[in-house]
Amino acid sequence: MSSLGQRLAEVESRISIAAASAGRDRSEIELIVVSKNHPAQLVVELLNLGVRAFGENRDQEAKPKAAQVAELVASKDFDYKWHFIGQLQSNKVRSALSYSSVIHSVDRQSLLDAIIKAVAERSDPLDVFIQLNLTDDPGRGGIEPKHLEPFAEQVLAIKNLNLLGVMGVASLERAPEVDFETILKASESLTRIAPTAKFISAGMSEDFEAAISFGATHLRVGSAITGKRQN
């Protein structure tokens, strides 16, 4: 087995163990491999290893990479998705939606307005998460949890948007469990007005096991699988 395959297998094993410890079913947890700063060929290798969800956070890198991957696997029947997980500029929305199936970082009115315009002619709804800001730094992106419900109501009113749930990035300045508890409480608040928006995008290479114990359904794991950045 390749070193990439070994790292993937190790993470999969850790996910299964953490899920069992939390009394959860592994099947309810999706692994998104963060492929930012890695070439298209690594994505192809991961596809061959069974990975079907990839995360990117910069449109200028992700768009050409997505096109390269599509070309490299054109002869194969891979059903995979790109998840946009970084802060998205309003003027990059149409570009990002040309390859992304899920946007994890809807966090402000101007971005929501741009997305509404971009999805107006879609035949299938776009899956989105609302990103929470768990710090005092407005530059981190995300909305304050106290503003979640009114913002979510706007998202829910758009027929071409499918609100999956909430997304958050745990602060490095404290134990991740503190922020994961905040995310879980926000999720519970959201599901009171939108029962189907029950998913939680949380947990990265350093803390995904803790995220699982607080209900995370979408893990964004990069270096623990991909290794050191290549570009």
C-alpha atoms as a PDB file:
ATOM      1  CA  MET A   1       0.000   0.000   0.000  1.00  0.00           C
ATOM      2  CA  SER A   2       1.238   3.499  -0.821  1.00  0.00           C
ATOM      3  CA  SER A   3       1.985   6.003   1.942  1.00  0.00           C
ATOM      4  CA  LEU A   4      -1.078   7.954   0.812  1.00  0.00           C
ATOM      5  CA  GLY A   5      -3.194   4.829   1.083  1.00  0.00           C
ATOM      6  CA  GLN A   6      -1.759   4.099   4.527  1.00  0.00           C
ATOM      7  CA  ARG A   7      -2.585   7.576   5.808  1.00  0.00           C
ATOM      8  CA  LEU A   8      -6.106   7.332   4.402  1.00  0.00           C
ATOM      9  CA  ALA A   9      -6.610   3.931   6.032  1.00  0.00           C
ATOM     10  CA  GLU A  10      -5.332   5.257   9.365  1.00  0.00           C
ATOM     11  CA  VAL A  11      -7.735   8.205   9.288  1.00  0.00           C
ATOM     12  CA  GLU A  12     -10.630   5.950   8.288  1.00  0.00           C
ATOM     13  CA  SER A  13      -9.800   3.689  11.232  1.00  0.00           C
ATOM     14  CA  ARG A  14      -9.682   6.650  13.619  1.00  0.00           C
ATOM     15  CA  ILE A  15     -13.044   7.880  12.332  1.00  0.00           C
ATOM     16  CA  SER A  16     -14.604   4.456  12.907  1.00  0.00           C
ATOM     17  CA  ILE A  17     -13.177   4.224  16.431  1.00  0.00           C
ATOM     18  CA  ALA A  18     -14.306   7.755  17.321  1.00  0.00           C
ATOM     19  CA  ALA A  19     -17.781   7.085  15.932  1.00  0.00           C
ATOM     20  CA  ALA A  20     -18.100   3.886  17.945  1.00  0.00           C
ATOM     21  CA  SER A  21     -16.913   5.676  21.097  1.00  0.00           C
ATOM     22  CA  ALA A  22     -19.596   8.323  20.554  1.00  0.00           C
ATOM     23  CA  GLY A  23     -22.283   5.696  19.944  1.00  0.00           C
ATOM     24  CA  ARG A  24     -22.632   6.775  16.338  1.00  0.00           C
ATOM     25  CA  ASP A  25     -22.805   4.921  13.031  1.00  0.00           C
ATOM     26  CA  ARG A  26     -19.781   5.450  10.776  1.00  0.00           C
ATOM     27  CA  SER A  27     -22.087   5.673   7.770  1.00  0.00           C
ATOM     28  CA  GLU A  28     -23.516   9.003   8.959  1.00  0.00           C
ATOM     29  CA  ILE A  29     -20.095  10.684   8.762  1.00  0.00           C
ATOM     30  CA  GLU A  30     -18.698  11.917   5.437  1.00  0.00           C
ATOM     31  CA  LEU A  31     -14.959  12.323   4.950  1.00  0.00           C
ATOM     32  CA  ILE A  32     -13.996  15.284   2.767  1.00  0.00           C
ATOM     33  CA  VAL A  33     -10.316  15.197   1.849  1.00  0.00           C
ATOM     34  CA  VAL A  34      -8.925  18.728   1.641  1.00  0.00           C
ATOM     35  CA  SER A  35      -6.779  18.795  -1.481  1.00  0.00           C
ATOM     36  CA  LYS A  36      -5.725  22.450  -1.434  1.00  0.00           C
ATOM     37  CA  ASN A  37      -2.063  23.040  -2.305  1.00  0.00           C
ATOM     38  CA  HIS A  38      -1.842  19.591  -3.865  1.00  0.00           C
ATOM     39  CA  PRO A  39      -1.891  18.728  -7.580  1.00  0.00           C
ATOM     40  CA  ALA A  40      -4.665  17.140  -9.590  1.00  0.00           C
ATOM     41  CA  GLN A  41      -2.739  13.871  -9.723  1.00  0.00           C
ATOM     42  CA  LEU A  42      -3.081  13.432  -5.961  1.00  0.00           C
ATOM     43  CA  VAL A  43      -6.856  13.814  -6.302  1.00  0.00           C
ATOM     44  CA  VAL A  44      -6.815  11.108  -8.973  1.00  0.00           C
ATOM     45  CA  GLU A  45      -4.830   8.821  -6.650  1.00  0.00           C
ATOM     46  CA  LEU A  46      -7.393   9.411  -3.919  1.00  0.00           C
ATOM     47  CA  LEU A  47     -10.234   8.672  -6.325  1.00  0.00           C
ATOM     48  CA  ASN A  48      -8.574   5.360  -7.104  1.00  0.00           C
ATOM     49  CA  LEU A  49      -8.421   4.717  -3.347  1.00  0.00           C
ATOM     50  CA  GLY A  50     -12.159   5.269  -3.018  1.00  0.00           C
ATOM     51  CA  VAL A  51     -12.391   8.904  -1.895  1.00  0.00           C
ATOM     52  CA  ARG A  52     -15.374  10.706  -3.419  1.00  0.00           C
ATOM     53  CA  ALA A  53     -15.419  14.135  -1.735  1.00  0.00           C
ATOM     54  CA  PHE A  54     -12.750  16.834  -1.976  1.00  0.00           C
ATOM     55  CA  GLY A  55     -12.424  20.236  -0.347  1.00  0.00           C
ATOM     56  CA  GLU A  56     -10.846  23.385  -1.747  1.00  0.00           C
ATOM     57  CA  ASN A  57     -10.707  26.915  -0.359  1.00  0.00           C
ATOM     58  CA  ARG A  58      -9.415  29.119  -3.194  1.00  0.00           C
ATOM     59  CA  ASP A  59     -11.253  29.385  -6.494  1.00  0.00           C
ATOM     60  CA  GLN A  60      -8.164  30.382  -8.456  1.00  0.00           C
ATOM     61  CA  GLU A  61      -6.527  27.078  -7.505  1.00  0.00           C
ATOM     62  CA  ALA A  62      -9.618  24.892  -7.411  1.00  0.00           C
ATOM     63  CA  LYS A  63     -11.172  25.706 -10.777  1.00  0.00           C
ATOM     64  CA  PRO A  64      -8.230  24.649 -12.974  1.00  0.00           C
ATOM     65  CA  LYS A  65      -7.568  21.661 -10.711  1.00  0.00           C
ATOM     66  CA  ALA A  66     -11.157  20.477 -11.047  1.00  0.00           C
ATOM     67  CA  ALA A  67     -10.861  20.741 -14.822  1.00  0.00           C
ATOM     68  CA  GLN A  68      -7.587  18.790 -14.794  1.00  0.00           C
ATOM     69  CA  VAL A  69      -9.065  16.038 -12.645  1.00  0.00           C
ATOM     70  CA  ALA A  70     -12.116  15.770 -14.897  1.00  0.00           C
ATOM     71  CA  GLU A  71      -9.837  15.349 -17.898  1.00  0.00           C
ATOM     72  CA  LEU A  72      -7.615  12.789 -16.178  1.00  0.00           C
ATOM     73  CA  VAL A  73     -10.551  10.581 -15.132  1.00  0.00           C
ATOM     74  CA  ALA A  74     -12.753  11.153 -18.182  1.00  0.00           C
ATOM     75  CA  SER A  75     -12.610   7.475 -19.104  1.00  0.00           C
ATOM     76  CA  LYS A  76     -13.641   6.316 -15.615  1.00  0.00           C
ATOM     77  CA  ASP A  77     -17.057   6.313 -13.986  1.00  0.00           C
ATOM     78  CA  PHE A  78     -16.194   8.208 -10.796  1.00  0.00           C
ATOM     79  CA  ASP A  79     -19.067   9.937  -8.997  1.00  0.00           C
ATOM     80  CA  TYR A  80     -17.320  12.560  -6.874  1.00  0.00           C
ATOM     81  CA  LYS A  81     -17.979  16.043  -5.521  1.00  0.00           C
ATOM     82  CA  TRP A  82     -16.041  19.224  -4.890  1.00  0.00           C
ATOM     83  CA  HIS A  83     -16.825  21.077  -1.664  1.00  0.00           C
ATOM     84  CA  PHE A  84     -15.876  24.753  -1.409  1.00  0.00           C
ATOM     85  CA  ILE A  85     -14.785  25.182   2.212  1.00  0.00           C
ATOM     86  CA  GLY A  86     -13.017  28.568   2.308  1.00  0.00           C
ATOM     87  CA  GLN A  87     -14.184  32.148   2.415  1.00  0.00           C
ATOM     88  CA  LEU A  88     -15.786  32.877  -0.930  1.00  0.00           C
ATOM     89  CA  GLN A  89     -15.668  36.288  -2.558  1.00  0.00           C
ATOM     90  CA  SER A  90     -18.967  37.410  -4.035  1.00  0.00           C
ATOM     91  CA  ASN A  91     -17.364  38.001  -7.436  1.00  0.00           C
ATOM     92  CA  LYS A  92     -16.088  34.397  -7.488  1.00  0.00           C
ATOM     93  CA  VAL A  93     -19.455  32.742  -6.863  1.00  0.00           C
ATOM     94  CA  ARG A  94     -20.310  31.863 -10.467  1.00  0.00           C
ATOM     95  CA  SER A  95     -16.823  30.499 -11.021  1.00  0.00           C
ATOM     96  CA  ALA A  96     -16.933  28.370  -7.861  1.00  0.00           C
ATOM     97  CA  LEU A  97     -20.367  27.009  -8.716  1.00  0.00           C
ATOM     98  CA  SER A  98     -19.093  25.791 -12.083  1.00  0.00           C
ATOM     99  CA  TYR A  99     -17.426  22.860 -10.273  1.00  0.00           C
ATOM    100  CA  SER A 100     -18.589  22.905  -6.626  1.00  0.00           C
ATOM    101  CA  SER A 101     -21.541  20.841  -5.451  1.00  0.00           C
ATOM    102  CA  VAL A 102     -21.518  22.175  -1.888  1.00  0.00           C
ATOM    103  CA  ILE A 103     -20.599  25.566  -0.398  1.00  0.00           C
ATOM    104  CA  HIS A 104     -19.641  25.360   3.283  1.00  0.00           C
ATOM    105  CA  SER A 105     -18.997  29.057   3.921  1.00  0.00           C
ATOM    106  CA  VAL A 106     -22.189  31.066   3.412  1.00  0.00           C
ATOM    107  CA  ASP A 107     -21.745  33.754   6.036  1.00  0.00           C
ATOM    108  CA  ARG A 108     -22.928  37.200   4.954  1.00  0.00           C
ATOM    109  CA  GLN A 109     -25.687  38.984   3.095  1.00  0.00           C
ATOM    110  CA  SER A 110     -23.584  40.085   0.114  1.00  0.00           C
ATOM    111  CA  LEU A 111     -22.421  36.524  -0.509  1.00  0.00           C
ATOM    112  CA  LEU A 112     -25.940  35.155  -0.146  1.00  0.00           C
ATOM    113  CA  ASP A 113     -27.215  37.731  -2.642  1.00  0.00           C
ATOM    114  CA  ALA A 114     -24.532  36.717  -5.155  1.00  0.00           C
ATOM    115  CA  ILE A 115     -25.379  33.034  -4.694  1.00  0.00           C
ATOM    116  CA  ILE A 116     -29.098  33.718  -5.142  1.00  0.00           C
ATOM    117  CA  LYS A 117     -28.389  35.358  -8.497  1.00  0.00           C
ATOM    118  CA  ALA A 118     -26.080  32.538  -9.571  1.00  0.00           C
ATOM    119  CA  VAL A 119     -28.537  29.736  -8.756  1.00  0.00           C
ATOM    120  CA  ALA A 120     -31.619  31.413 -10.220  1.00  0.00           C
ATOM    121  CA  GLU A 121     -31.556  29.306 -13.379  1.00  0.00           C
ATOM    122  CA  ARG A 122     -30.424  26.029 -11.788  1.00  0.00           C
ATOM    123  CA  SER A 123     -32.626  22.980 -12.169  1.00  0.00           C
ATOM    124  CA  ASP A 124     -31.236  21.366  -9.016  1.00  0.00           C
ATOM    125  CA  PRO A 125     -30.789  23.083  -5.623  1.00  0.00           C
ATOM    126  CA  LEU A 126     -27.307  24.021  -4.413  1.00  0.00           C
ATOM    127  CA  ASP A 127     -26.300  22.468  -1.088  1.00  0.00           C
ATOM    128  CA  VAL A 128     -24.976  25.024   1.419  1.00  0.00           C
ATOM    129  CA  PHE A 129     -23.825  25.313   5.009  1.00  0.00           C
ATOM    130  CA  ILE A 130     -23.937  28.501   7.068  1.00  0.00           C
ATOM    131  CA  GLN A 131     -20.530  29.228   8.560  1.00  0.00           C
ATOM    132  CA  LEU A 132     -20.308  30.315  12.190  1.00  0.00           C
ATOM    133  CA  ASN A 133     -17.638  32.657  13.534  1.00  0.00           C
ATOM    134  CA  LEU A 134     -16.387  31.156  16.779  1.00  0.00           C
ATOM    135  CA  THR A 135     -13.826  33.898  17.497  1.00  0.00           C
ATOM    136  CA  ASP A 136     -13.807  37.643  18.136  1.00  0.00           C
ATOM    137  CA  ASP A 137     -11.980  38.147  14.840  1.00  0.00           C
ATOM    138  CA  PRO A 138     -14.348  39.281  12.054  1.00  0.00           C
ATOM    139  CA  GLY A 139     -11.622  38.431   9.546  1.00  0.00           C
ATOM    140  CA  ARG A 140     -12.113  34.724  10.218  1.00  0.00           C
ATOM    141  CA  GLY A 141     -15.416  34.689   8.384  1.00  0.00           C
ATOM    142  CA  GLY A 142     -18.730  33.377   9.619  1.00  0.00           C
ATOM    143  CA  ILE A 143     -21.740  34.854  11.359  1.00  0.00           C
ATOM    144  CA  GLU A 144     -22.181  35.088  15.099  1.00  0.00           C
ATOM    145  CA  PRO A 145     -24.266  32.196  16.435  1.00  0.00           C
ATOM    146  CA  LYS A 146     -26.844  34.647  17.819  1.00  0.00           C
ATOM    147  CA  HIS A 147     -27.577  35.778  14.245  1.00  0.00           C
ATOM    148  CA  LEU A 148     -27.919  32.257  12.858  1.00  0.00           C
ATOM    149  CA  GLU A 149     -31.706  31.851  12.870  1.00  0.00           C
ATOM    150  CA  PRO A 150     -32.688  35.061  11.024  1.00  0.00           C
ATOM    151  CA  PHE A 151     -29.952  34.468   8.446  1.00  0.00           C
ATOM    152  CA  ALA A 152     -31.019  30.833   8.046  1.00  0.00           C
ATOM    153  CA  GLU A 153     -34.597  31.930   7.418  1.00  0.00           C
ATOM    154  CA  GLN A 154     -33.372  33.940   4.432  1.00  0.00           C
ATOM    155  CA  VAL A 155     -31.527  30.920   3.050  1.00  0.00           C
ATOM    156  CA  LEU A 156     -34.539  28.680   3.597  1.00  0.00           C
ATOM    157  CA  ALA A 157     -36.724  31.066   1.604  1.00  0.00           C
ATOM    158  CA  ILE A 158     -34.695  30.486  -1.579  1.00  0.00           C
ATOM    159  CA  LYS A 159     -36.071  27.533  -3.541  1.00  0.00           C
ATOM    160  CA  ASN A 160     -32.777  26.818  -5.332  1.00  0.00           C
ATOM    161  CA  LEU A 161     -30.802  26.523  -2.098  1.00  0.00           C
ATOM    162  CA  ASN A 162     -30.761  23.439   0.123  1.00  0.00           C
ATOM    163  CA  LEU A 163     -29.567  24.330   3.615  1.00  0.00           C
ATOM    164  CA  LEU A 164     -27.656  21.351   4.996  1.00  0.00           C
ATOM    165  CA  GLY A 165     -26.670  22.838   8.349  1.00  0.00           C
ATOM    166  CA  VAL A 166     -23.831  24.713  10.038  1.00  0.00           C
ATOM    167  CA  MET A 167     -20.076  24.822   9.564  1.00  0.00           C
ATOM    168  CA  GLY A 168     -17.395  25.931  11.982  1.00  0.00           C
ATOM    169  CA  VAL A 169     -13.635  26.025  12.468  1.00  0.00           C
ATOM    170  CA  ALA A 170     -12.441  25.480  16.026  1.00  0.00           C
ATOM    171  CA  SER A 171     -10.113  28.120  17.435  1.00  0.00           C
ATOM    172  CA  LEU A 172      -6.480  27.200  18.022  1.00  0.00           C
ATOM    173  CA  GLU A 173      -6.491  29.281  21.212  1.00  0.00           C
ATOM    174  CA  ARG A 174      -8.526  26.852  23.323  1.00  0.00           C
ATOM    175  CA  ALA A 175      -9.618  23.244  23.517  1.00  0.00           C
ATOM    176  CA  PRO A 176     -11.601  22.399  20.356  1.00  0.00           C
ATOM    177  CA  GLU A 177     -14.363  20.833  22.435  1.00  0.00           C
ATOM    178  CA  VAL A 178     -15.398  24.333  23.562  1.00  0.00           C
ATOM    179  CA  ASP A 179     -16.142  25.400  19.996  1.00  0.00           C
ATOM    180  CA  PHE A 180     -17.620  22.071  18.964  1.00  0.00           C
ATOM    181  CA  GLU A 181     -20.135  22.413  21.792  1.00  0.00           C
ATOM    182  CA  THR A 182     -21.047  25.878  20.475  1.00  0.00           C
ATOM    183  CA  ILE A 183     -21.491  24.454  16.978  1.00  0.00           C
ATOM    184  CA  LEU A 184     -23.672  21.627  18.291  1.00  0.00           C
ATOM    185  CA  LYS A 185     -25.896  24.055  20.198  1.00  0.00           C
ATOM    186  CA  ALA A 186     -26.209  26.218  17.076  1.00  0.00           C
ATOM    187  CA  SER A 187     -27.143  23.132  15.080  1.00  0.00           C
ATOM    188  CA  GLU A 188     -29.828  22.223  17.599  1.00  0.00           C
ATOM    189  CA  SER A 189     -31.179  25.776  17.374  1.00  0.00           C
ATOM    190  CA  LEU A 190     -31.238  25.598  13.582  1.00  0.00           C
ATOM    191  CA  THR A 191     -33.062  22.279  13.452  1.00  0.00           C
ATOM    192  CA  ARG A 192     -35.893  23.757  15.493  1.00  0.00           C
ATOM    193  CA  ILE A 193     -36.791  25.931  12.496  1.00  0.00           C
ATOM    194  CA  ALA A 194     -35.397  23.633   9.788  1.00  0.00           C
ATOM    195  CA  PRO A 195     -35.468  19.964  10.851  1.00  0.00           C
ATOM    196  CA  THR A 196     -33.678  18.778   7.706  1.00  0.00           C
ATOM    197  CA  ALA A 197     -30.737  21.187   8.209  1.00  0.00           C
ATOM    198  CA  LYS A 198     -29.220  18.754  10.679  1.00  0.00           C
ATOM    199  CA  PHE A 199     -25.711  18.364   9.320  1.00  0.00           C
ATOM    200  CA  ILE A 200     -22.545  19.714  10.929  1.00  0.00           C
ATOM    201  CA  SER A 201     -19.370  20.481   8.976  1.00  0.00           C
ATOM    202  CA  ALA A 202     -16.614  20.479  11.591  1.00  0.00           C
ATOM    203  CA  GLY A 203     -13.352  18.787  12.405  1.00  0.00           C
ATOM    204  CA  MET A 204     -10.003  18.882  10.649  1.00  0.00           C
ATOM    205  CA  SER A 205      -6.784  16.886  10.816  1.00  0.00           C
ATOM    206  CA  GLU A 206      -5.970  17.976  14.365  1.00  0.00           C
ATOM    207  CA  ASP A 207      -9.390  17.627  15.961  1.00  0.00           C
ATOM    208  CA  PHE A 208     -11.781  15.495  13.900  1.00  0.00           C
ATOM    209  CA  GLU A 209     -12.168  12.849  16.596  1.00  0.00           C
ATOM    210  CA  ALA A 210     -13.382  15.465  19.066  1.00  0.00           C
ATOM    211  CA  ALA A 211     -15.702  16.862  16.394  1.00  0.00           C
ATOM    212  CA  ILE A 212     -17.260  13.433  15.928  1.00  0.00           C
ATOM    213  CA  SER A 213     -18.099  13.292  19.640  1.00  0.00           C
ATOM    214  CA  PHE A 214     -20.044  16.548  19.177  1.00  0.00           C
ATOM    215  CA  GLY A 215     -22.084  15.376  16.213  1.00  0.00           C
ATOM    216  CA  ALA A 216     -19.960  16.336  13.203  1.00  0.00           C
ATOM    217  CA  THR A 217     -21.281  14.768  10.001  1.00  0.00           C
ATOM    218  CA  HIS A 218     -18.830  16.273   7.484  1.00  0.00           C
ATOM    219  CA  LEU A 219     -15.122  16.131   8.340  1.00  0.00           C
ATOM    220  CA  ARG A 220     -12.639  18.328   6.436  1.00  0.00           C
ATOM    221  CA  VAL A 221      -9.354  16.442   6.732  1.00  0.00           C
ATOM    222  CA  GLY A 222      -6.245  17.512   4.848  1.00  0.00           C
ATOM    223  CA  SER A 223      -2.644  16.917   5.928  1.00  0.00           C
ATOM    224  CA  ALA A 224      -3.411  13.816   8.011  1.00  0.00           C
ATOM    225  CA  ILE A 225      -4.174  12.163   4.668  1.00  0.00           C
ATOM    226  CA  THR A 226      -2.450  14.212   1.973  1.00  0.00           C
ATOM    227  CA  GLY A 227       0.825  14.813   3.781  1.00  0.00           C
ATOM    228  CA  LYS A 228       2.845  17.988   3.424  1.00  0.00           C
ATOM    229  CA  ARG A 229       1.721  20.611   0.957  1.00  0.00           C
ATOM    230  CA  GLN A 230       3.256  20.264  -2.463  1.00  0.00           C
ATOM    231  CA  ASN A 231       2.801  23.775  -3.862  1.00  0.00           C
END
